[in-house]
Amino acid sequence: MSRNVVIALILIALSVIVLVFSRDQVGVSLVFYQFRALASLVYLGFIALGVVIGILLK
């Protein structure tokens, strides 16, 4: 296995651990909109956004 694959698997595992243990509600404040959501869904959204940005920059 290459070094990049191992690093990616470690990051995925850490992300899953954080998502599983984040059950609180958090407030999200955008420029013109404010809402409350589960922390795990907010984190998942930011992880997905980071992956999309990473793919677009590659």
N, C-alpha and C. Protein backbone atom coordinates (compact mmCIF):
# COMPACT_ATOMS: atom_id res chain seq x y z
N MET A 1 0.84 -1.17 0.00
CA MET A 1 0.00 0.00 0.00
C MET A 1 0.89 1.24 0.00
N SER A 2 0.50 2.21 -0.78
CA SER A 2 1.32 3.42 -0.84
C SER A 2 1.09 4.29 0.40
N ARG A 3 1.99 5.18 0.60
CA ARG A 3 1.94 6.07 1.77
C ARG A 3 0.69 6.95 1.74
N ASN A 4 0.31 7.43 0.57
CA ASN A 4 -0.87 8.29 0.45
C ASN A 4 -2.15 7.55 0.81
N VAL A 5 -2.26 6.29 0.44
CA VAL A 5 -3.44 5.49 0.76
C VAL A 5 -3.53 5.28 2.26
N VAL A 6 -2.42 5.01 2.91
CA VAL A 6 -2.42 4.81 4.36
C VAL A 6 -2.85 6.09 5.07
N ILE A 7 -2.34 7.22 4.65
CA ILE A 7 -2.71 8.50 5.25
C ILE A 7 -4.19 8.78 5.04
N ALA A 8 -4.70 8.51 3.84
CA ALA A 8 -6.12 8.72 3.55
C ALA A 8 -6.99 7.82 4.43
N LEU A 9 -6.60 6.57 4.61
CA LEU A 9 -7.38 5.66 5.46
C LEU A 9 -7.38 6.11 6.91
N ILE A 10 -6.27 6.61 7.39
CA ILE A 10 -6.19 7.12 8.77
C ILE A 10 -7.11 8.33 8.93
N LEU A 11 -7.09 9.24 7.97
CA LEU A 11 -7.95 10.43 8.04
C LEU A 11 -9.43 10.06 7.96
N ILE A 12 -9.77 9.08 7.14
CA ILE A 12 -11.16 8.61 7.06
C ILE A 12 -11.59 8.00 8.39
N ALA A 13 -10.73 7.20 8.99
CA ALA A 13 -11.06 6.58 10.28
C ALA A 13 -11.26 7.63 11.36
N LEU A 14 -10.39 8.63 11.40
CA LEU A 14 -10.55 9.71 12.39
C LEU A 14 -11.83 10.49 12.16
N SER A 15 -12.17 10.73 10.92
CA SER A 15 -13.41 11.44 10.60
C SER A 15 -14.64 10.65 11.05
N VAL A 16 -14.62 9.36 10.82
CA VAL A 16 -15.74 8.52 11.23
C VAL A 16 -15.88 8.51 12.76
N ILE A 17 -14.78 8.45 13.47
CA ILE A 17 -14.82 8.46 14.93
C ILE A 17 -15.43 9.77 15.43
N VAL A 18 -15.02 10.89 14.86
CA VAL A 18 -15.57 12.19 15.27
C VAL A 18 -17.06 12.26 14.95
N LEU A 19 -17.47 11.78 13.79
CA LEU A 19 -18.88 11.83 13.41
C LEU A 19 -19.74 10.95 14.31
N VAL A 20 -19.24 9.81 14.71
CA VAL A 20 -20.02 8.90 15.56
C VAL A 20 -20.23 9.49 16.95
N PHE A 21 -19.23 10.16 17.49
CA PHE A 21 -19.32 10.66 18.86
C PHE A 21 -19.85 12.09 18.97
N SER A 22 -20.21 12.73 17.88
CA SER A 22 -20.73 14.09 17.90
C SER A 22 -22.24 14.07 17.76
N ARG A 23 -22.93 14.05 18.88
CA ARG A 23 -24.39 13.95 18.86
C ARG A 23 -25.07 15.22 19.35
N ASP A 24 -24.32 16.24 19.68
CA ASP A 24 -24.91 17.48 20.18
C ASP A 24 -25.47 18.31 19.03
N GLN A 25 -26.34 19.24 19.39
CA GLN A 25 -26.85 20.20 18.43
C GLN A 25 -25.94 21.43 18.47
N VAL A 26 -25.67 22.00 17.31
CA VAL A 26 -24.84 23.19 17.22
C VAL A 26 -25.59 24.23 16.39
N GLY A 27 -25.30 25.49 16.67
CA GLY A 27 -25.86 26.57 15.88
C GLY A 27 -24.89 26.93 14.76
N VAL A 28 -25.44 27.04 13.56
CA VAL A 28 -24.62 27.41 12.41
C VAL A 28 -25.12 28.75 11.91
N SER A 29 -24.20 29.70 11.84
CA SER A 29 -24.54 31.05 11.42
C SER A 29 -23.91 31.33 10.07
N LEU A 30 -24.74 31.43 9.05
CA LEU A 30 -24.27 31.82 7.74
C LEU A 30 -24.52 33.32 7.58
N VAL A 31 -24.21 33.89 6.47
CA VAL A 31 -24.31 35.34 6.31
C VAL A 31 -25.73 35.84 6.57
N PHE A 32 -26.72 35.24 5.91
CA PHE A 32 -28.09 35.71 6.05
C PHE A 32 -29.02 34.68 6.68
N TYR A 33 -28.48 33.59 7.15
CA TYR A 33 -29.31 32.50 7.63
C TYR A 33 -28.66 31.85 8.85
N GLN A 34 -29.50 31.45 9.79
CA GLN A 34 -29.00 30.81 11.01
C GLN A 34 -29.87 29.59 11.29
N PHE A 35 -29.24 28.45 11.63
CA PHE A 35 -30.00 27.25 11.93
C PHE A 35 -29.26 26.38 12.92
N ARG A 36 -29.99 25.41 13.49
CA ARG A 36 -29.40 24.45 14.41
C ARG A 36 -29.46 23.07 13.75
N ALA A 37 -28.40 22.30 13.92
CA ALA A 37 -28.34 20.95 13.34
C ALA A 37 -27.46 20.07 14.20
N LEU A 38 -27.52 18.79 13.95
CA LEU A 38 -26.63 17.86 14.65
C LEU A 38 -25.19 18.17 14.25
N ALA A 39 -24.31 18.14 15.22
CA ALA A 39 -22.91 18.45 14.96
C ALA A 39 -22.32 17.49 13.93
N SER A 40 -22.71 16.22 13.99
CA SER A 40 -22.16 15.25 13.05
C SER A 40 -22.54 15.58 11.61
N LEU A 41 -23.75 16.10 11.39
CA LEU A 41 -24.15 16.47 10.03
C LEU A 41 -23.41 17.71 9.55
N VAL A 42 -23.17 18.65 10.46
CA VAL A 42 -22.41 19.84 10.10
C VAL A 42 -20.98 19.46 9.75
N TYR A 43 -20.36 18.60 10.56
CA TYR A 43 -18.99 18.15 10.29
C TYR A 43 -18.93 17.39 8.97
N LEU A 44 -19.93 16.53 8.72
CA LEU A 44 -19.96 15.77 7.48
C LEU A 44 -20.05 16.70 6.27
N GLY A 45 -20.84 17.75 6.40
CA GLY A 45 -20.95 18.73 5.32
C GLY A 45 -19.63 19.43 5.05
N PHE A 46 -18.92 19.80 6.11
CA PHE A 46 -17.64 20.46 5.93
C PHE A 46 -16.57 19.51 5.39
N ILE A 47 -16.63 18.25 5.78
CA ILE A 47 -15.71 17.26 5.23
C ILE A 47 -15.97 17.09 3.74
N ALA A 48 -17.24 16.98 3.36
CA ALA A 48 -17.59 16.84 1.94
C ALA A 48 -17.15 18.07 1.15
N LEU A 49 -17.36 19.25 1.72
CA LEU A 49 -16.93 20.48 1.05
C LEU A 49 -15.41 20.49 0.85
N GLY A 50 -14.66 20.05 1.86
CA GLY A 50 -13.21 19.98 1.75
C GLY A 50 -12.76 19.00 0.70
N VAL A 51 -13.45 17.87 0.59
CA VAL A 51 -13.10 16.88 -0.43
C VAL A 51 -13.36 17.44 -1.82
N VAL A 52 -14.49 18.10 -1.99
CA VAL A 52 -14.80 18.69 -3.30
C VAL A 52 -13.77 19.75 -3.68
N ILE A 53 -13.42 20.61 -2.74
CA ILE A 53 -12.41 21.63 -3.02
C ILE A 53 -11.07 20.99 -3.36
N GLY A 54 -10.69 19.95 -2.63
CA GLY A 54 -9.45 19.24 -2.89
C GLY A 54 -9.42 18.62 -4.28
N ILE A 55 -10.55 18.03 -4.68
CA ILE A 55 -10.62 17.43 -6.02
C ILE A 55 -10.53 18.50 -7.09
N LEU A 56 -11.20 19.62 -6.88
CA LEU A 56 -11.18 20.70 -7.86
C LEU A 56 -9.79 21.33 -7.99
N LEU A 57 -9.03 21.37 -6.91
CA LEU A 57 -7.70 21.97 -6.95
C LEU A 57 -6.63 21.02 -7.47
N LYS A 58 -6.93 19.76 -7.53
CA LYS A 58 -5.94 18.77 -7.97
C LYS A 58 -5.69 18.79 -9.44
